Amino acid sequence: MNVMIKKSRRRFIAGVATCAIVARMKARAASPRIHYDFTPPFEGWEIVSGKWAVADMPDAAREGYALFQTALDNQFNVIVAPNGPFRDVDVSVRFKPISGREDAAAGIVFRFSEGRYYLVRANALEGNFRFYYYDGSRHEITSATVKAPALGQWHSLRVLAEGNHIRAWLNGQALIDAHDDRLQSGRVGLWTKADSVTAFDELFVQPTNS
């Protein structure tokens, strides 16, 4: 009798888990995927800091344009997309680190609200991939060791934020798996540091909650 009860419980738990997965998939399918291709005119974005502009780049994915950050003397450079806020969201972007002596960095900002945000970033001068919380200063949450992404080449970043669970990928490799409760929702943006000259292309934002 006890064996039958245990089997029934396992089937019930498995059924609940399957229903939860299906519900998440349906919610994701119901939410429109937003695609920013950075073709002119470039409107609606909020420049928090830095020098951001759309310019020609022949090897960009769409119509030969990419978004560039070219300021050299700011601590951090942030630009925020017009849509949102989002709570649960799947964000991906291509980036090309072009130059930088102090830093050659690129990052995805998410849950940006009133100057506070989460950040996942890669750096072509460093062999690490890091997840930060920012509230006027940076607080490192976790880091992974990687081969530094090469200068002058396209690379990919992806972040999946679901509740307090944050996961992130660099060039398709899962590297960050962390939990943090400080920020619940906000807008999505892009980030560089110091003298990084970086190009961005093919930003996709997929809300994952209905």
N, C-alpha and C. Protein backbone atom coordinates (compact mmCIF):
# COMPACT_ATOMS: atom_id res chain seq x y z
N MET A 1 0.83 -1.22 0.00
CA MET A 1 0.00 0.00 0.00
C MET A 1 0.85 1.26 0.00
N ASN A 2 1.91 1.24 0.87
CA ASN A 2 2.80 2.41 0.94
C ASN A 2 3.51 2.64 -0.38
N VAL A 3 3.88 1.53 -1.05
CA VAL A 3 4.56 1.63 -2.36
C VAL A 3 3.64 2.30 -3.37
N MET A 4 2.37 1.93 -3.37
CA MET A 4 1.41 2.53 -4.31
C MET A 4 1.23 4.01 -4.03
N ILE A 5 1.19 4.39 -2.74
CA ILE A 5 1.04 5.81 -2.37
C ILE A 5 2.25 6.61 -2.84
N LYS A 6 3.45 6.03 -2.64
CA LYS A 6 4.68 6.72 -3.06
C LYS A 6 4.72 6.91 -4.57
N LYS A 7 4.29 5.88 -5.31
CA LYS A 7 4.26 5.99 -6.77
C LYS A 7 3.27 7.05 -7.21
N SER A 8 2.12 7.10 -6.55
CA SER A 8 1.11 8.10 -6.89
C SER A 8 1.64 9.50 -6.62
N ARG A 9 2.35 9.67 -5.51
CA ARG A 9 2.92 10.98 -5.20
C ARG A 9 3.94 11.40 -6.24
N ARG A 10 4.79 10.44 -6.66
CA ARG A 10 5.79 10.77 -7.67
C ARG A 10 5.13 11.18 -8.98
N ARG A 11 4.07 10.44 -9.36
CA ARG A 11 3.37 10.80 -10.60
C ARG A 11 2.72 12.17 -10.48
N PHE A 12 2.17 12.48 -9.30
CA PHE A 12 1.53 13.78 -9.08
C PHE A 12 2.55 14.90 -9.18
N ILE A 13 3.71 14.72 -8.52
CA ILE A 13 4.77 15.75 -8.55
C ILE A 13 5.28 15.94 -9.97
N ALA A 14 5.48 14.82 -10.69
CA ALA A 14 5.94 14.92 -12.08
C ALA A 14 4.92 15.65 -12.94
N GLY A 15 3.62 15.37 -12.69
CA GLY A 15 2.57 16.04 -13.45
C GLY A 15 2.53 17.52 -13.19
N VAL A 16 2.71 17.93 -11.92
CA VAL A 16 2.74 19.36 -11.57
C VAL A 16 3.92 20.03 -12.25
N ALA A 17 5.10 19.39 -12.22
CA ALA A 17 6.28 19.97 -12.85
C ALA A 17 6.07 20.14 -14.35
N THR A 18 5.47 19.13 -14.99
CA THR A 18 5.21 19.22 -16.43
C THR A 18 4.25 20.35 -16.75
N CYS A 19 3.20 20.49 -15.94
CA CYS A 19 2.23 21.59 -16.14
C CYS A 19 2.90 22.95 -16.00
N ALA A 20 3.82 23.07 -15.04
CA ALA A 20 4.52 24.34 -14.83
C ALA A 20 5.38 24.68 -16.04
N ILE A 21 6.08 23.66 -16.59
CA ILE A 21 6.90 23.88 -17.77
C ILE A 21 6.05 24.29 -18.96
N VAL A 22 4.94 23.60 -19.17
CA VAL A 22 4.04 23.93 -20.28
C VAL A 22 3.48 25.34 -20.12
N ALA A 23 3.12 25.72 -18.88
CA ALA A 23 2.59 27.06 -18.64
C ALA A 23 3.62 28.13 -18.98
N ARG A 24 4.89 27.89 -18.61
CA ARG A 24 5.94 28.86 -18.94
C ARG A 24 6.13 28.96 -20.44
N MET A 25 6.09 27.81 -21.13
CA MET A 25 6.25 27.83 -22.58
C MET A 25 5.11 28.58 -23.24
N LYS A 26 3.87 28.40 -22.77
CA LYS A 26 2.73 29.10 -23.34
C LYS A 26 2.83 30.60 -23.09
N ALA A 27 3.26 30.98 -21.89
CA ALA A 27 3.41 32.40 -21.57
C ALA A 27 4.44 33.05 -22.46
N ARG A 28 5.55 32.33 -22.68
CA ARG A 28 6.61 32.87 -23.54
C ARG A 28 6.12 33.02 -24.97
N ALA A 29 5.38 32.02 -25.45
CA ALA A 29 4.87 32.07 -26.82
C ALA A 29 3.87 33.20 -27.00
N ALA A 30 3.13 33.54 -25.93
CA ALA A 30 2.10 34.58 -26.02
C ALA A 30 2.69 35.99 -25.98
N SER A 31 3.93 36.14 -25.51
CA SER A 31 4.54 37.46 -25.39
C SER A 31 5.32 37.78 -26.65
N PRO A 32 5.15 38.97 -27.21
CA PRO A 32 5.86 39.30 -28.45
C PRO A 32 7.35 39.47 -28.21
N ARG A 33 8.13 38.93 -29.13
CA ARG A 33 9.58 39.08 -29.09
C ARG A 33 9.95 40.40 -29.75
N ILE A 34 10.71 41.22 -29.06
CA ILE A 34 11.08 42.55 -29.56
C ILE A 34 12.47 42.47 -30.18
N HIS A 35 12.59 42.97 -31.40
CA HIS A 35 13.85 42.94 -32.13
C HIS A 35 14.30 44.36 -32.43
N TYR A 36 15.48 44.71 -31.95
CA TYR A 36 16.09 46.00 -32.25
C TYR A 36 17.23 45.77 -33.24
N ASP A 37 17.09 46.32 -34.45
CA ASP A 37 18.12 46.09 -35.46
C ASP A 37 19.02 47.31 -35.68
N PHE A 38 18.75 48.41 -34.98
CA PHE A 38 19.62 49.60 -34.99
C PHE A 38 19.77 50.24 -36.36
N THR A 39 18.73 50.17 -37.17
CA THR A 39 18.75 50.92 -38.42
C THR A 39 18.18 52.32 -38.17
N PRO A 40 18.67 53.32 -38.91
CA PRO A 40 18.14 54.68 -38.72
C PRO A 40 16.67 54.76 -39.08
N PRO A 41 15.88 55.67 -38.47
CA PRO A 41 16.30 56.59 -37.41
C PRO A 41 16.34 55.89 -36.05
N PHE A 42 17.27 56.31 -35.22
CA PHE A 42 17.48 55.70 -33.92
C PHE A 42 16.77 56.57 -32.88
N GLU A 43 15.58 56.12 -32.46
CA GLU A 43 14.74 56.95 -31.61
C GLU A 43 14.20 56.18 -30.42
N GLY A 44 13.86 56.92 -29.36
CA GLY A 44 13.17 56.34 -28.22
C GLY A 44 14.06 55.78 -27.13
N TRP A 45 15.35 55.68 -27.37
CA TRP A 45 16.28 55.15 -26.38
C TRP A 45 16.69 56.23 -25.39
N GLU A 46 17.01 55.83 -24.18
CA GLU A 46 17.47 56.76 -23.14
C GLU A 46 18.97 56.57 -22.92
N ILE A 47 19.75 57.59 -23.27
CA ILE A 47 21.19 57.55 -23.02
C ILE A 47 21.44 58.01 -21.59
N VAL A 48 21.86 57.09 -20.74
CA VAL A 48 22.15 57.40 -19.35
C VAL A 48 23.54 58.01 -19.24
N SER A 49 24.50 57.42 -19.94
CA SER A 49 25.87 57.95 -19.99
C SER A 49 26.56 57.35 -21.20
N GLY A 50 27.54 58.09 -21.73
CA GLY A 50 28.27 57.61 -22.89
C GLY A 50 27.87 58.31 -24.17
N LYS A 51 28.50 57.90 -25.25
CA LYS A 51 28.25 58.47 -26.57
C LYS A 51 27.80 57.31 -27.47
N TRP A 52 26.51 57.25 -27.72
CA TRP A 52 25.92 56.14 -28.46
C TRP A 52 25.33 56.63 -29.78
N ALA A 53 25.58 55.90 -30.84
CA ALA A 53 25.05 56.28 -32.15
C ALA A 53 25.02 55.08 -33.08
N VAL A 54 24.09 55.10 -34.03
CA VAL A 54 24.03 54.09 -35.08
C VAL A 54 24.95 54.52 -36.22
N ALA A 55 25.74 53.56 -36.72
CA ALA A 55 26.66 53.87 -37.81
C ALA A 55 26.83 52.64 -38.69
N ASP A 56 27.42 52.86 -39.86
CA ASP A 56 27.64 51.77 -40.81
C ASP A 56 28.59 50.72 -40.23
N MET A 57 28.25 49.47 -40.46
CA MET A 57 29.16 48.35 -40.19
C MET A 57 28.81 47.25 -41.18
N PRO A 58 29.66 47.02 -42.18
CA PRO A 58 29.32 46.10 -43.27
C PRO A 58 28.95 44.69 -42.82
N ASP A 59 29.57 44.19 -41.74
CA ASP A 59 29.30 42.82 -41.33
C ASP A 59 28.21 42.72 -40.26
N ALA A 60 27.46 43.80 -40.03
CA ALA A 60 26.31 43.72 -39.14
C ALA A 60 25.25 42.83 -39.77
N ALA A 61 24.38 42.28 -38.93
CA ALA A 61 23.44 41.27 -39.41
C ALA A 61 22.36 41.83 -40.32
N ARG A 62 22.03 43.10 -40.18
CA ARG A 62 20.85 43.61 -40.87
C ARG A 62 21.14 45.01 -41.44
N GLU A 63 21.15 45.11 -42.74
CA GLU A 63 21.26 46.38 -43.46
C GLU A 63 22.54 47.13 -43.18
N GLY A 64 23.54 46.47 -42.62
CA GLY A 64 24.86 47.09 -42.49
C GLY A 64 24.97 48.17 -41.44
N TYR A 65 24.10 48.16 -40.40
CA TYR A 65 24.17 49.15 -39.33
C TYR A 65 24.35 48.44 -37.98
N ALA A 66 25.05 49.13 -37.08
CA ALA A 66 25.20 48.64 -35.71
C ALA A 66 25.16 49.84 -34.78
N LEU A 67 24.96 49.58 -33.50
CA LEU A 67 24.98 50.62 -32.47
C LEU A 67 26.38 50.66 -31.86
N PHE A 68 26.96 51.87 -31.82
CA PHE A 68 28.32 52.03 -31.31
C PHE A 68 28.32 52.86 -30.04
N GLN A 69 29.20 52.48 -29.11
CA GLN A 69 29.52 53.31 -27.95
C GLN A 69 30.97 53.73 -28.10
N THR A 70 31.23 55.08 -28.14
CA THR A 70 32.57 55.57 -28.45
C THR A 70 33.14 56.53 -27.42
N ALA A 71 32.41 56.81 -26.32
CA ALA A 71 32.98 57.67 -25.27
C ALA A 71 34.17 56.96 -24.63
N LEU A 72 35.18 57.74 -24.24
CA LEU A 72 36.43 57.15 -23.73
C LEU A 72 36.73 57.50 -22.28
N ASP A 73 35.93 58.39 -21.68
CA ASP A 73 36.35 58.91 -20.38
C ASP A 73 35.29 58.78 -19.29
N ASN A 74 34.26 57.94 -19.51
CA ASN A 74 33.27 57.69 -18.46
C ASN A 74 33.62 56.42 -17.70
N GLN A 75 33.17 56.36 -16.45
CA GLN A 75 33.38 55.12 -15.71
C GLN A 75 32.57 54.00 -16.33
N PHE A 76 31.26 54.25 -16.53
CA PHE A 76 30.37 53.29 -17.18
C PHE A 76 29.54 54.02 -18.22
N ASN A 77 29.16 53.31 -19.29
CA ASN A 77 28.33 53.86 -20.34
C ASN A 77 27.09 52.99 -20.48
N VAL A 78 25.91 53.62 -20.36
CA VAL A 78 24.65 52.86 -20.33
C VAL A 78 23.64 53.52 -21.26
N ILE A 79 22.94 52.69 -22.03
CA ILE A 79 21.82 53.13 -22.83
C ILE A 79 20.67 52.15 -22.59
N VAL A 80 19.44 52.68 -22.49
CA VAL A 80 18.29 51.86 -22.10
C VAL A 80 17.25 51.87 -23.24
N ALA A 81 16.76 50.69 -23.57
CA ALA A 81 15.79 50.54 -24.65
C ALA A 81 14.44 51.12 -24.26
N PRO A 82 13.61 51.50 -25.24
CA PRO A 82 12.35 52.18 -24.94
C PRO A 82 11.26 51.32 -24.34
N ASN A 83 11.27 50.01 -24.52
CA ASN A 83 10.18 49.17 -24.05
C ASN A 83 10.37 48.74 -22.60
N GLY A 84 9.33 48.18 -22.01
CA GLY A 84 9.38 47.70 -20.64
C GLY A 84 8.54 48.58 -19.73
N PRO A 85 8.59 48.33 -18.42
CA PRO A 85 9.53 47.43 -17.73
C PRO A 85 9.15 45.96 -17.89
N PHE A 86 10.15 45.10 -17.62
CA PHE A 86 9.97 43.66 -17.67
C PHE A 86 10.38 43.05 -16.33
N ARG A 87 9.68 41.98 -15.97
CA ARG A 87 10.10 41.21 -14.80
C ARG A 87 10.91 40.00 -15.27
N ASP A 88 10.24 39.02 -15.85
CA ASP A 88 10.92 37.85 -16.38
C ASP A 88 11.19 38.09 -17.86
N VAL A 89 12.45 37.92 -18.27
CA VAL A 89 12.81 38.31 -19.62
C VAL A 89 14.03 37.52 -20.09
N ASP A 90 14.06 37.26 -21.40
CA ASP A 90 15.17 36.58 -22.06
C ASP A 90 15.76 37.58 -23.05
N VAL A 91 17.02 37.96 -22.84
CA VAL A 91 17.66 39.02 -23.64
C VAL A 91 18.92 38.47 -24.29
N SER A 92 19.10 38.77 -25.57
CA SER A 92 20.33 38.37 -26.26
C SER A 92 20.79 39.50 -27.18
N VAL A 93 22.10 39.56 -27.41
CA VAL A 93 22.67 40.59 -28.27
C VAL A 93 24.01 40.09 -28.83
N ARG A 94 24.35 40.57 -30.01
CA ARG A 94 25.71 40.37 -30.53
C ARG A 94 26.52 41.61 -30.22
N PHE A 95 27.82 41.42 -29.93
CA PHE A 95 28.69 42.56 -29.67
C PHE A 95 30.07 42.32 -30.29
N LYS A 96 30.69 43.42 -30.69
CA LYS A 96 32.05 43.36 -31.22
C LYS A 96 32.91 44.36 -30.44
N PRO A 97 33.83 43.89 -29.59
CA PRO A 97 34.77 44.81 -28.92
C PRO A 97 35.81 45.28 -29.94
N ILE A 98 35.88 46.58 -30.14
CA ILE A 98 36.74 47.12 -31.19
C ILE A 98 38.08 47.59 -30.63
N SER A 99 38.05 48.33 -29.54
CA SER A 99 39.30 48.82 -28.96
C SER A 99 39.09 49.19 -27.50
N GLY A 100 40.21 49.40 -26.81
CA GLY A 100 40.20 49.82 -25.42
C GLY A 100 41.48 49.38 -24.74
N ARG A 101 42.13 50.31 -24.06
CA ARG A 101 43.35 49.96 -23.32
C ARG A 101 43.04 49.61 -21.87
N GLU A 102 42.13 50.38 -21.26
CA GLU A 102 41.73 50.08 -19.89
C GLU A 102 40.70 48.96 -19.86
N ASP A 103 39.71 49.03 -20.77
CA ASP A 103 38.67 48.01 -20.87
C ASP A 103 38.23 47.90 -22.32
N ALA A 104 37.77 46.70 -22.68
CA ALA A 104 37.14 46.48 -23.99
C ALA A 104 35.93 45.60 -23.71
N ALA A 105 34.91 46.22 -23.15
CA ALA A 105 33.82 45.48 -22.52
C ALA A 105 32.48 45.68 -23.22
N ALA A 106 31.59 44.73 -22.97
CA ALA A 106 30.21 44.81 -23.45
C ALA A 106 29.32 44.11 -22.44
N GLY A 107 28.12 44.67 -22.22
CA GLY A 107 27.23 44.04 -21.25
C GLY A 107 25.77 44.27 -21.57
N ILE A 108 24.94 43.42 -20.99
CA ILE A 108 23.49 43.58 -21.01
C ILE A 108 23.04 44.08 -19.66
N VAL A 109 22.32 45.21 -19.67
CA VAL A 109 21.68 45.76 -18.47
C VAL A 109 20.24 45.25 -18.44
N PHE A 110 19.76 44.83 -17.28
CA PHE A 110 18.36 44.41 -17.17
C PHE A 110 17.83 44.78 -15.79
N ARG A 111 16.50 44.90 -15.73
CA ARG A 111 15.78 45.40 -14.55
C ARG A 111 16.30 46.78 -14.13
N PHE A 112 16.55 47.62 -15.14
CA PHE A 112 16.98 48.99 -14.90
C PHE A 112 15.81 49.82 -14.39
N SER A 113 15.98 50.44 -13.24
CA SER A 113 14.93 51.29 -12.66
C SER A 113 15.57 52.31 -11.74
N GLU A 114 15.33 53.60 -12.05
CA GLU A 114 15.82 54.71 -11.23
C GLU A 114 17.33 54.61 -10.98
N GLY A 115 18.06 54.25 -12.03
CA GLY A 115 19.51 54.21 -11.95
C GLY A 115 20.10 52.93 -11.38
N ARG A 116 19.26 52.04 -10.89
CA ARG A 116 19.73 50.75 -10.36
C ARG A 116 19.48 49.68 -11.42
N TYR A 117 20.38 48.69 -11.48
CA TYR A 117 20.21 47.65 -12.49
C TYR A 117 21.09 46.44 -12.19
N TYR A 118 20.75 45.35 -12.88
CA TYR A 118 21.63 44.19 -12.96
C TYR A 118 22.44 44.29 -14.26
N LEU A 119 23.60 43.66 -14.25
CA LEU A 119 24.49 43.70 -15.41
C LEU A 119 25.21 42.37 -15.55
N VAL A 120 25.22 41.84 -16.77
CA VAL A 120 26.11 40.73 -17.13
C VAL A 120 27.05 41.25 -18.19
N ARG A 121 28.34 41.06 -17.98
CA ARG A 121 29.29 41.66 -18.92
C ARG A 121 30.46 40.73 -19.24
N ALA A 122 31.00 40.92 -20.46
CA ALA A 122 32.22 40.25 -20.91
C ALA A 122 33.26 41.32 -21.21
N ASN A 123 34.53 40.93 -21.20
CA ASN A 123 35.62 41.89 -21.41
C ASN A 123 36.70 41.23 -22.25
N ALA A 124 37.04 41.86 -23.38
CA ALA A 124 38.04 41.29 -24.28
C ALA A 124 39.45 41.37 -23.72
N LEU A 125 39.65 42.07 -22.61
CA LEU A 125 40.98 42.17 -21.99
C LEU A 125 41.10 41.31 -20.75
N GLU A 126 40.03 40.63 -20.38
CA GLU A 126 40.05 39.83 -19.14
C GLU A 126 39.43 38.46 -19.38
N GLY A 127 39.92 37.48 -18.67
CA GLY A 127 39.42 36.12 -18.81
C GLY A 127 38.33 35.80 -17.81
N ASN A 128 37.30 36.66 -17.76
CA ASN A 128 36.20 36.40 -16.84
C ASN A 128 34.89 36.90 -17.43
N PHE A 129 33.81 36.37 -16.89
CA PHE A 129 32.44 36.72 -17.30
C PHE A 129 31.68 36.95 -16.01
N ARG A 130 31.11 38.16 -15.82
CA ARG A 130 30.66 38.54 -14.49
C ARG A 130 29.21 39.05 -14.47
N PHE A 131 28.60 38.85 -13.30
CA PHE A 131 27.24 39.29 -13.01
C PHE A 131 27.30 40.26 -11.85
N TYR A 132 26.74 41.50 -12.06
CA TYR A 132 26.81 42.57 -11.06
C TYR A 132 25.42 43.09 -10.72
N TYR A 133 25.36 43.70 -9.54
CA TYR A 133 24.26 44.58 -9.16
C TYR A 133 24.84 45.98 -9.04
N TYR A 134 24.12 46.99 -9.59
CA TYR A 134 24.61 48.37 -9.56
C TYR A 134 23.59 49.28 -8.90
N ASP A 135 24.04 50.06 -7.91
CA ASP A 135 23.17 51.04 -7.24
C ASP A 135 23.91 52.35 -6.98
N GLY A 136 24.78 52.73 -7.91
CA GLY A 136 25.68 53.86 -7.72
C GLY A 136 27.11 53.40 -7.66
N SER A 137 27.30 52.16 -7.29
CA SER A 137 28.58 51.46 -7.38
C SER A 137 28.29 50.01 -7.71
N ARG A 138 29.28 49.33 -8.26
CA ARG A 138 29.08 47.95 -8.69
C ARG A 138 29.32 46.97 -7.53
N HIS A 139 28.47 45.94 -7.49
CA HIS A 139 28.62 44.87 -6.50
C HIS A 139 28.65 43.55 -7.27
N GLU A 140 29.77 42.87 -7.26
CA GLU A 140 29.88 41.61 -7.99
C GLU A 140 29.09 40.53 -7.27
N ILE A 141 28.23 39.82 -8.01
CA ILE A 141 27.44 38.74 -7.45
C ILE A 141 28.12 37.40 -7.70
N THR A 142 28.57 37.18 -8.94
CA THR A 142 29.30 35.95 -9.24
C THR A 142 30.11 36.15 -10.51
N SER A 143 31.06 35.24 -10.74
CA SER A 143 31.96 35.36 -11.89
C SER A 143 32.34 33.97 -12.38
N ALA A 144 32.63 33.87 -13.67
CA ALA A 144 33.10 32.62 -14.27
C ALA A 144 34.37 32.90 -15.06
N THR A 145 35.26 31.94 -15.08
CA THR A 145 36.50 32.05 -15.85
C THR A 145 36.24 31.64 -17.29
N VAL A 146 36.71 32.46 -18.23
CA VAL A 146 36.49 32.19 -19.65
C VAL A 146 37.73 32.58 -20.44
N LYS A 147 37.76 32.15 -21.68
CA LYS A 147 38.73 32.70 -22.62
C LYS A 147 38.21 34.06 -23.07
N ALA A 148 39.03 35.10 -22.96
CA ALA A 148 38.58 36.44 -23.30
C ALA A 148 38.10 36.50 -24.75
N PRO A 149 36.91 37.07 -24.99
CA PRO A 149 36.42 37.20 -26.37
C PRO A 149 37.36 38.09 -27.19
N ALA A 150 37.68 37.68 -28.39
CA ALA A 150 38.69 38.36 -29.20
C ALA A 150 38.21 39.73 -29.66
N LEU A 151 39.13 40.68 -29.70
CA LEU A 151 38.87 41.99 -30.29
C LEU A 151 38.58 41.84 -31.78
N GLY A 152 37.69 42.69 -32.29
CA GLY A 152 37.43 42.73 -33.72
C GLY A 152 36.58 41.60 -34.24
N GLN A 153 35.97 40.82 -33.36
CA GLN A 153 35.10 39.73 -33.78
C GLN A 153 33.75 39.84 -33.08
N TRP A 154 32.71 39.29 -33.75
CA TRP A 154 31.39 39.28 -33.15
C TRP A 154 31.28 38.14 -32.14
N HIS A 155 30.62 38.44 -31.03
CA HIS A 155 30.36 37.47 -29.98
C HIS A 155 28.90 37.63 -29.54
N SER A 156 28.41 36.68 -28.75
CA SER A 156 27.02 36.75 -28.30
C SER A 156 26.92 36.72 -26.78
N LEU A 157 25.97 37.52 -26.28
CA LEU A 157 25.61 37.53 -24.87
C LEU A 157 24.13 37.17 -24.74
N ARG A 158 23.80 36.46 -23.68
CA ARG A 158 22.40 36.16 -23.41
C ARG A 158 22.17 36.13 -21.91
N VAL A 159 21.03 36.69 -21.48
CA VAL A 159 20.62 36.66 -20.08
C VAL A 159 19.18 36.17 -20.01
N LEU A 160 18.90 35.28 -19.06
CA LEU A 160 17.55 34.83 -18.78
C LEU A 160 17.27 35.10 -17.31
N ALA A 161 16.32 36.01 -17.04
CA ALA A 161 15.96 36.38 -15.67
C ALA A 161 14.54 35.90 -15.42
N GLU A 162 14.38 35.01 -14.46
CA GLU A 162 13.06 34.48 -14.08
C GLU A 162 12.96 34.54 -12.56
N GLY A 163 12.16 35.48 -12.06
CA GLY A 163 12.10 35.70 -10.62
C GLY A 163 13.47 36.12 -10.12
N ASN A 164 13.96 35.46 -9.07
CA ASN A 164 15.28 35.79 -8.55
C ASN A 164 16.37 34.93 -9.15
N HIS A 165 16.02 34.12 -10.15
CA HIS A 165 16.97 33.20 -10.79
C HIS A 165 17.52 33.85 -12.05
N ILE A 166 18.84 34.04 -12.09
CA ILE A 166 19.50 34.69 -13.22
C ILE A 166 20.49 33.71 -13.84
N ARG A 167 20.35 33.51 -15.16
CA ARG A 167 21.31 32.69 -15.90
C ARG A 167 21.86 33.50 -17.07
N ALA A 168 23.10 33.22 -17.45
CA ALA A 168 23.71 33.99 -18.54
C ALA A 168 24.68 33.13 -19.33
N TRP A 169 24.80 33.47 -20.63
CA TRP A 169 25.63 32.72 -21.57
C TRP A 169 26.56 33.68 -22.30
N LEU A 170 27.75 33.21 -22.61
CA LEU A 170 28.69 33.91 -23.49
C LEU A 170 29.02 32.96 -24.64
N ASN A 171 28.74 33.42 -25.86
CA ASN A 171 28.98 32.60 -27.06
C ASN A 171 28.36 31.21 -26.94
N GLY A 172 27.13 31.19 -26.39
CA GLY A 172 26.38 29.95 -26.31
C GLY A 172 26.75 29.05 -25.14
N GLN A 173 27.73 29.43 -24.35
CA GLN A 173 28.15 28.61 -23.21
C GLN A 173 27.51 29.13 -21.93
N ALA A 174 26.78 28.26 -21.23
CA ALA A 174 26.15 28.64 -19.96
C ALA A 174 27.23 28.81 -18.89
N LEU A 175 27.30 30.02 -18.29
CA LEU A 175 28.38 30.32 -17.36
C LEU A 175 27.90 30.88 -16.03
N ILE A 176 26.77 31.56 -16.03
CA ILE A 176 26.24 32.18 -14.81
C ILE A 176 24.94 31.51 -14.42
N ASP A 177 24.83 31.11 -13.16
CA ASP A 177 23.60 30.55 -12.61
C ASP A 177 23.53 31.01 -11.17
N ALA A 178 22.74 32.06 -10.92
CA ALA A 178 22.76 32.70 -9.60
C ALA A 178 21.36 33.13 -9.20
N HIS A 179 21.23 33.51 -7.94
CA HIS A 179 19.96 34.02 -7.40
C HIS A 179 20.21 35.34 -6.69
N ASP A 180 19.32 36.30 -6.91
CA ASP A 180 19.42 37.59 -6.23
C ASP A 180 18.03 38.22 -6.19
N ASP A 181 17.70 38.85 -5.07
CA ASP A 181 16.34 39.36 -4.84
C ASP A 181 16.25 40.89 -4.86
N ARG A 182 17.31 41.60 -5.17
CA ARG A 182 17.30 43.04 -4.97
C ARG A 182 16.43 43.79 -5.97
N LEU A 183 16.36 43.34 -7.21
CA LEU A 183 15.57 44.02 -8.23
C LEU A 183 14.51 43.09 -8.78
N GLN A 184 13.29 43.61 -8.91
CA GLN A 184 12.17 42.78 -9.34
C GLN A 184 11.80 42.98 -10.80
N SER A 185 11.93 44.21 -11.31
CA SER A 185 11.57 44.49 -12.70
C SER A 185 12.24 45.77 -13.16
N GLY A 186 12.22 45.99 -14.46
CA GLY A 186 12.81 47.21 -15.02
C GLY A 186 13.04 47.04 -16.51
N ARG A 187 13.71 48.02 -17.09
CA ARG A 187 13.94 48.02 -18.52
C ARG A 187 15.27 47.33 -18.86
N VAL A 188 15.47 47.13 -20.16
CA VAL A 188 16.65 46.46 -20.69
C VAL A 188 17.54 47.48 -21.38
N GLY A 189 18.85 47.27 -21.31
CA GLY A 189 19.76 48.18 -21.98
C GLY A 189 21.10 47.53 -22.28
N LEU A 190 22.03 48.36 -22.71
CA LEU A 190 23.38 47.92 -23.07
C LEU A 190 24.40 48.74 -22.30
N TRP A 191 25.62 48.22 -22.20
CA TRP A 191 26.62 48.77 -21.27
C TRP A 191 28.02 48.58 -21.82
N THR A 192 28.87 49.59 -21.58
CA THR A 192 30.32 49.42 -21.75
C THR A 192 31.00 50.14 -20.58
N LYS A 193 32.32 50.03 -20.54
CA LYS A 193 33.08 50.62 -19.44
C LYS A 193 34.27 51.40 -19.97
N ALA A 194 34.53 52.55 -19.31
CA ALA A 194 35.77 53.32 -19.51
C ALA A 194 35.99 53.62 -20.99
N ASP A 195 37.15 53.18 -21.54
CA ASP A 195 37.50 53.56 -22.91
C ASP A 195 37.12 52.49 -23.93
N SER A 196 36.17 51.64 -23.58
CA SER A 196 35.72 50.61 -24.52
C SER A 196 35.02 51.24 -25.72
N VAL A 197 35.48 50.93 -26.91
CA VAL A 197 34.74 51.22 -28.13
C VAL A 197 34.15 49.89 -28.60
N THR A 198 32.83 49.81 -28.59
CA THR A 198 32.14 48.52 -28.79
C THR A 198 30.97 48.72 -29.72
N ALA A 199 30.74 47.74 -30.59
CA ALA A 199 29.56 47.73 -31.47
C ALA A 199 28.57 46.68 -30.98
N PHE A 200 27.28 46.99 -31.12
CA PHE A 200 26.21 46.06 -30.75
C PHE A 200 25.28 45.85 -31.93
N ASP A 201 24.74 44.64 -32.04
CA ASP A 201 23.89 44.28 -33.17
C ASP A 201 22.90 43.20 -32.72
N GLU A 202 21.71 43.18 -33.34
CA GLU A 202 20.76 42.10 -33.13
C GLU A 202 20.38 41.91 -31.67
N LEU A 203 19.81 42.95 -31.08
CA LEU A 203 19.30 42.85 -29.70
C LEU A 203 17.87 42.29 -29.75
N PHE A 204 17.66 41.19 -29.03
CA PHE A 204 16.33 40.58 -28.91
C PHE A 204 15.90 40.59 -27.45
N VAL A 205 14.66 40.97 -27.20
CA VAL A 205 14.09 40.97 -25.86
C VAL A 205 12.79 40.17 -25.89
N GLN A 206 12.75 39.08 -25.14
CA GLN A 206 11.58 38.21 -25.09
C GLN A 206 11.03 38.16 -23.66
N PRO A 207 9.92 38.87 -23.39
CA PRO A 207 9.27 38.70 -22.07
C PRO A 207 8.83 37.26 -21.92
N THR A 208 9.05 36.68 -20.73
CA THR A 208 8.74 35.26 -20.54
C THR A 208 7.57 35.05 -19.59
N ASN A 209 6.97 36.13 -19.08
CA ASN A 209 5.77 35.98 -18.27
C ASN A 209 4.60 36.65 -18.98
N SER A 210 3.42 36.06 -18.88
CA SER A 210 2.27 36.59 -19.62
C SER A 210 1.76 37.85 -18.94
